[in-house]
Amino acid sequence: MELIAYFLLIAVAFYLLVLRPVSRQKREFDALKQLQSALEPGVRVMIASGIYGTIRSISDDTVMLEIAPNTQICVAKGAIAQIENAGSNVEKEN
């Protein structure tokens, strides 16, 4: 009977230490992919460093962001941390 209890304890520890964090990372990765697929020109976003801007153009891996009139920067798509919508925000979980 003690042997079964040890195996159950090991199984619970394995679930808590390995399987649960992996599933959480997968959910976060899926949310990031969904955020990146929603990007389109004209959308106002915030990048990970806290800079706000409006998307002017998008390529495969980069985004041209207008942060001030006639001032554009090129950032990686992965740097987009938040999309501003009318009334609600979609945020990337850290």
N, C-alpha and C. Protein backbone atom coordinates (compact mmCIF):
# COMPACT_ATOMS: atom_id res chain seq x y z
N MET A 1 0.82 -1.20 0.00
CA MET A 1 0.00 0.00 0.00
C MET A 1 0.86 1.26 0.00
N GLU A 2 1.97 1.22 0.74
CA GLU A 2 2.87 2.38 0.77
C GLU A 2 3.48 2.63 -0.61
N LEU A 3 3.74 1.57 -1.34
CA LEU A 3 4.33 1.71 -2.68
C LEU A 3 3.39 2.47 -3.61
N ILE A 4 2.11 2.17 -3.52
CA ILE A 4 1.13 2.87 -4.35
C ILE A 4 1.07 4.36 -3.98
N ALA A 5 1.15 4.66 -2.71
CA ALA A 5 1.13 6.04 -2.26
C ALA A 5 2.33 6.81 -2.79
N TYR A 6 3.50 6.18 -2.82
CA TYR A 6 4.69 6.83 -3.35
C TYR A 6 4.54 7.11 -4.85
N PHE A 7 4.00 6.13 -5.59
CA PHE A 7 3.79 6.34 -7.02
C PHE A 7 2.78 7.46 -7.28
N LEU A 8 1.73 7.53 -6.51
CA LEU A 8 0.76 8.61 -6.65
C LEU A 8 1.39 9.96 -6.34
N LEU A 9 2.21 10.01 -5.32
CA LEU A 9 2.91 11.24 -4.97
C LEU A 9 3.83 11.69 -6.10
N ILE A 10 4.55 10.76 -6.69
CA ILE A 10 5.44 11.07 -7.80
C ILE A 10 4.64 11.55 -9.02
N ALA A 11 3.50 10.91 -9.28
CA ALA A 11 2.66 11.30 -10.42
C ALA A 11 2.11 12.71 -10.23
N VAL A 12 1.67 13.05 -9.03
CA VAL A 12 1.15 14.38 -8.75
C VAL A 12 2.27 15.42 -8.87
N ALA A 13 3.43 15.12 -8.35
CA ALA A 13 4.56 16.04 -8.45
C ALA A 13 4.95 16.25 -9.91
N PHE A 14 4.96 15.19 -10.72
CA PHE A 14 5.29 15.30 -12.14
C PHE A 14 4.28 16.21 -12.83
N TYR A 15 3.00 16.04 -12.52
CA TYR A 15 1.98 16.88 -13.13
C TYR A 15 2.19 18.35 -12.76
N LEU A 16 2.40 18.63 -11.49
CA LEU A 16 2.53 20.00 -11.03
C LEU A 16 3.82 20.67 -11.51
N LEU A 17 4.90 19.91 -11.62
CA LEU A 17 6.19 20.50 -11.97
C LEU A 17 6.50 20.49 -13.47
N VAL A 18 5.85 19.59 -14.23
CA VAL A 18 6.20 19.46 -15.65
C VAL A 18 5.01 19.73 -16.56
N LEU A 19 3.95 18.99 -16.43
CA LEU A 19 2.86 19.07 -17.39
C LEU A 19 2.08 20.37 -17.32
N ARG A 20 1.80 20.84 -16.13
CA ARG A 20 1.02 22.07 -15.98
C ARG A 20 1.75 23.31 -16.54
N PRO A 21 3.03 23.51 -16.23
CA PRO A 21 3.74 24.67 -16.82
C PRO A 21 3.84 24.59 -18.35
N VAL A 22 3.98 23.40 -18.90
CA VAL A 22 4.06 23.27 -20.36
C VAL A 22 2.75 23.67 -21.01
N SER A 23 1.64 23.28 -20.43
CA SER A 23 0.35 23.65 -21.01
C SER A 23 0.12 25.16 -20.89
N ARG A 24 0.59 25.78 -19.80
CA ARG A 24 0.46 27.23 -19.66
C ARG A 24 1.30 27.96 -20.70
N GLN A 25 2.51 27.47 -20.96
CA GLN A 25 3.35 28.09 -21.99
C GLN A 25 2.71 27.97 -23.36
N LYS A 26 2.07 26.84 -23.63
CA LYS A 26 1.41 26.65 -24.92
C LYS A 26 0.26 27.64 -25.07
N ARG A 27 -0.52 27.87 -24.03
CA ARG A 27 -1.61 28.84 -24.09
C ARG A 27 -1.06 30.25 -24.35
N GLU A 28 0.03 30.61 -23.69
CA GLU A 28 0.64 31.92 -23.89
C GLU A 28 1.15 32.08 -25.32
N PHE A 29 1.75 31.03 -25.85
CA PHE A 29 2.26 31.06 -27.22
C PHE A 29 1.11 31.22 -28.21
N ASP A 30 0.01 30.51 -27.98
CA ASP A 30 -1.16 30.63 -28.85
C ASP A 30 -1.75 32.03 -28.80
N ALA A 31 -1.78 32.64 -27.61
CA ALA A 31 -2.29 34.00 -27.47
C ALA A 31 -1.40 34.99 -28.23
N LEU A 32 -0.08 34.78 -28.19
CA LEU A 32 0.85 35.64 -28.93
C LEU A 32 0.63 35.51 -30.43
N LYS A 33 0.45 34.30 -30.91
CA LYS A 33 0.20 34.09 -32.34
C LYS A 33 -1.11 34.75 -32.77
N GLN A 34 -2.13 34.68 -31.92
CA GLN A 34 -3.40 35.32 -32.22
C GLN A 34 -3.23 36.83 -32.27
N LEU A 35 -2.47 37.39 -31.34
CA LEU A 35 -2.22 38.82 -31.32
C LEU A 35 -1.50 39.25 -32.60
N GLN A 36 -0.49 38.48 -33.00
CA GLN A 36 0.28 38.83 -34.20
C GLN A 36 -0.55 38.70 -35.47
N SER A 37 -1.50 37.79 -35.50
CA SER A 37 -2.33 37.65 -36.69
C SER A 37 -3.36 38.78 -36.80
N ALA A 38 -3.65 39.46 -35.69
CA ALA A 38 -4.63 40.56 -35.70
C ALA A 38 -4.00 41.89 -36.11
N LEU A 39 -2.70 41.91 -36.34
CA LEU A 39 -2.03 43.16 -36.70
C LEU A 39 -2.39 43.55 -38.13
N GLU A 40 -2.68 44.83 -38.31
CA GLU A 40 -2.95 45.37 -39.64
C GLU A 40 -2.62 46.86 -39.64
N PRO A 41 -2.33 47.42 -40.79
CA PRO A 41 -2.01 48.85 -40.85
C PRO A 41 -3.15 49.70 -40.29
N GLY A 42 -2.76 50.76 -39.56
CA GLY A 42 -3.72 51.66 -38.97
C GLY A 42 -4.07 51.35 -37.53
N VAL A 43 -3.65 50.20 -37.03
CA VAL A 43 -3.95 49.80 -35.65
C VAL A 43 -2.93 50.43 -34.72
N ARG A 44 -3.39 50.95 -33.60
CA ARG A 44 -2.50 51.54 -32.59
C ARG A 44 -2.07 50.43 -31.64
N VAL A 45 -0.75 50.34 -31.40
CA VAL A 45 -0.19 49.28 -30.57
C VAL A 45 0.82 49.85 -29.58
N MET A 46 1.18 49.03 -28.60
CA MET A 46 2.27 49.35 -27.68
C MET A 46 3.29 48.23 -27.80
N ILE A 47 4.57 48.59 -27.94
CA ILE A 47 5.61 47.57 -27.98
C ILE A 47 6.10 47.30 -26.56
N ALA A 48 6.89 46.26 -26.39
CA ALA A 48 7.31 45.79 -25.07
C ALA A 48 8.05 46.85 -24.26
N SER A 49 8.68 47.80 -24.91
CA SER A 49 9.41 48.84 -24.18
C SER A 49 8.51 49.97 -23.71
N GLY A 50 7.22 49.92 -24.06
CA GLY A 50 6.28 50.93 -23.61
C GLY A 50 6.03 52.04 -24.60
N ILE A 51 6.56 51.93 -25.81
CA ILE A 51 6.37 52.95 -26.84
C ILE A 51 5.08 52.66 -27.59
N TYR A 52 4.24 53.68 -27.72
CA TYR A 52 2.98 53.56 -28.47
C TYR A 52 3.19 54.08 -29.89
N GLY A 53 2.48 53.47 -30.82
CA GLY A 53 2.55 53.94 -32.20
C GLY A 53 1.46 53.31 -33.04
N THR A 54 1.38 53.75 -34.28
CA THR A 54 0.40 53.25 -35.23
C THR A 54 1.12 52.46 -36.31
N ILE A 55 0.62 51.28 -36.61
CA ILE A 55 1.24 50.43 -37.63
C ILE A 55 1.01 51.06 -39.00
N ARG A 56 2.10 51.23 -39.76
CA ARG A 56 2.02 51.77 -41.12
C ARG A 56 2.16 50.67 -42.16
N SER A 57 3.03 49.67 -41.91
CA SER A 57 3.17 48.55 -42.84
C SER A 57 3.67 47.33 -42.07
N ILE A 58 3.40 46.16 -42.65
CA ILE A 58 3.77 44.90 -42.01
C ILE A 58 4.45 44.01 -43.04
N SER A 59 5.57 43.41 -42.63
CA SER A 59 6.20 42.37 -43.45
C SER A 59 6.15 41.07 -42.65
N ASP A 60 6.86 40.06 -43.09
CA ASP A 60 6.80 38.76 -42.42
C ASP A 60 7.23 38.82 -40.96
N ASP A 61 8.35 39.48 -40.67
CA ASP A 61 8.89 39.49 -39.32
C ASP A 61 8.93 40.87 -38.67
N THR A 62 8.68 41.92 -39.43
CA THR A 62 8.84 43.27 -38.90
C THR A 62 7.59 44.11 -39.13
N VAL A 63 7.51 45.20 -38.37
CA VAL A 63 6.40 46.14 -38.45
C VAL A 63 6.98 47.54 -38.49
N MET A 64 6.50 48.38 -39.41
CA MET A 64 6.87 49.80 -39.42
C MET A 64 5.86 50.52 -38.56
N LEU A 65 6.35 51.18 -37.53
CA LEU A 65 5.50 51.82 -36.53
C LEU A 65 5.73 53.33 -36.56
N GLU A 66 4.67 54.10 -36.72
CA GLU A 66 4.78 55.56 -36.67
C GLU A 66 4.54 55.99 -35.23
N ILE A 67 5.60 56.53 -34.60
CA ILE A 67 5.51 56.90 -33.19
C ILE A 67 5.26 58.39 -33.00
N ALA A 68 5.48 59.18 -34.03
CA ALA A 68 5.21 60.62 -34.03
C ALA A 68 5.01 61.00 -35.50
N PRO A 69 4.44 62.16 -35.76
CA PRO A 69 4.27 62.56 -37.16
C PRO A 69 5.61 62.53 -37.91
N ASN A 70 5.62 61.83 -39.01
CA ASN A 70 6.80 61.68 -39.88
C ASN A 70 7.97 61.00 -39.18
N THR A 71 7.73 60.21 -38.14
CA THR A 71 8.77 59.46 -37.45
C THR A 71 8.35 58.00 -37.37
N GLN A 72 9.06 57.15 -38.13
CA GLN A 72 8.74 55.73 -38.16
C GLN A 72 9.93 54.92 -37.68
N ILE A 73 9.62 53.82 -36.98
CA ILE A 73 10.66 52.88 -36.56
C ILE A 73 10.26 51.49 -37.02
N CYS A 74 11.25 50.66 -37.22
CA CYS A 74 11.03 49.28 -37.62
C CYS A 74 11.24 48.39 -36.39
N VAL A 75 10.23 47.62 -36.01
CA VAL A 75 10.33 46.75 -34.84
C VAL A 75 9.94 45.33 -35.23
N ALA A 76 10.40 44.36 -34.46
CA ALA A 76 10.03 42.97 -34.69
C ALA A 76 8.58 42.75 -34.28
N LYS A 77 7.89 41.86 -34.98
CA LYS A 77 6.50 41.56 -34.64
C LYS A 77 6.38 41.07 -33.21
N GLY A 78 7.37 40.33 -32.75
CA GLY A 78 7.35 39.80 -31.39
C GLY A 78 7.43 40.86 -30.32
N ALA A 79 7.82 42.08 -30.69
CA ALA A 79 7.92 43.16 -29.72
C ALA A 79 6.56 43.80 -29.44
N ILE A 80 5.55 43.48 -30.23
CA ILE A 80 4.22 44.04 -30.00
C ILE A 80 3.64 43.39 -28.75
N ALA A 81 3.38 44.21 -27.72
CA ALA A 81 2.90 43.70 -26.46
C ALA A 81 1.40 43.88 -26.27
N GLN A 82 0.82 44.85 -26.97
CA GLN A 82 -0.59 45.16 -26.72
C GLN A 82 -1.18 45.83 -27.94
N ILE A 83 -2.43 45.50 -28.23
CA ILE A 83 -3.17 46.17 -29.30
C ILE A 83 -4.25 47.00 -28.63
N GLU A 84 -4.35 48.26 -29.03
CA GLU A 84 -5.40 49.12 -28.47
C GLU A 84 -6.64 49.00 -29.33
N ASN A 85 -7.74 48.61 -28.72
CA ASN A 85 -9.04 48.59 -29.38
C ASN A 85 -9.94 49.61 -28.72
N ALA A 86 -11.05 49.87 -29.30
CA ALA A 86 -12.01 50.81 -28.71
C ALA A 86 -12.58 50.20 -27.43
N GLY A 87 -12.04 50.59 -26.30
CA GLY A 87 -12.57 50.15 -25.02
C GLY A 87 -11.92 48.93 -24.42
N SER A 88 -11.28 48.06 -25.20
CA SER A 88 -10.67 46.87 -24.61
C SER A 88 -9.29 46.66 -25.18
N ASN A 89 -8.42 46.03 -24.39
CA ASN A 89 -7.05 45.76 -24.81
C ASN A 89 -6.81 44.27 -24.83
N VAL A 90 -6.07 43.81 -25.84
CA VAL A 90 -5.61 42.43 -25.88
C VAL A 90 -4.15 42.47 -25.48
N GLU A 91 -3.80 41.81 -24.39
CA GLU A 91 -2.43 41.89 -23.87
C GLU A 91 -1.72 40.56 -24.00
N LYS A 92 -0.42 40.64 -24.24
CA LYS A 92 0.44 39.45 -24.23
C LYS A 92 0.80 39.15 -22.79
N GLU A 93 0.61 37.88 -22.39
CA GLU A 93 0.94 37.51 -21.03
C GLU A 93 2.43 37.29 -20.89
N ASN A 94 2.97 37.67 -19.76
CA ASN A 94 4.39 37.47 -19.51
C ASN A 94 4.59 36.31 -18.60
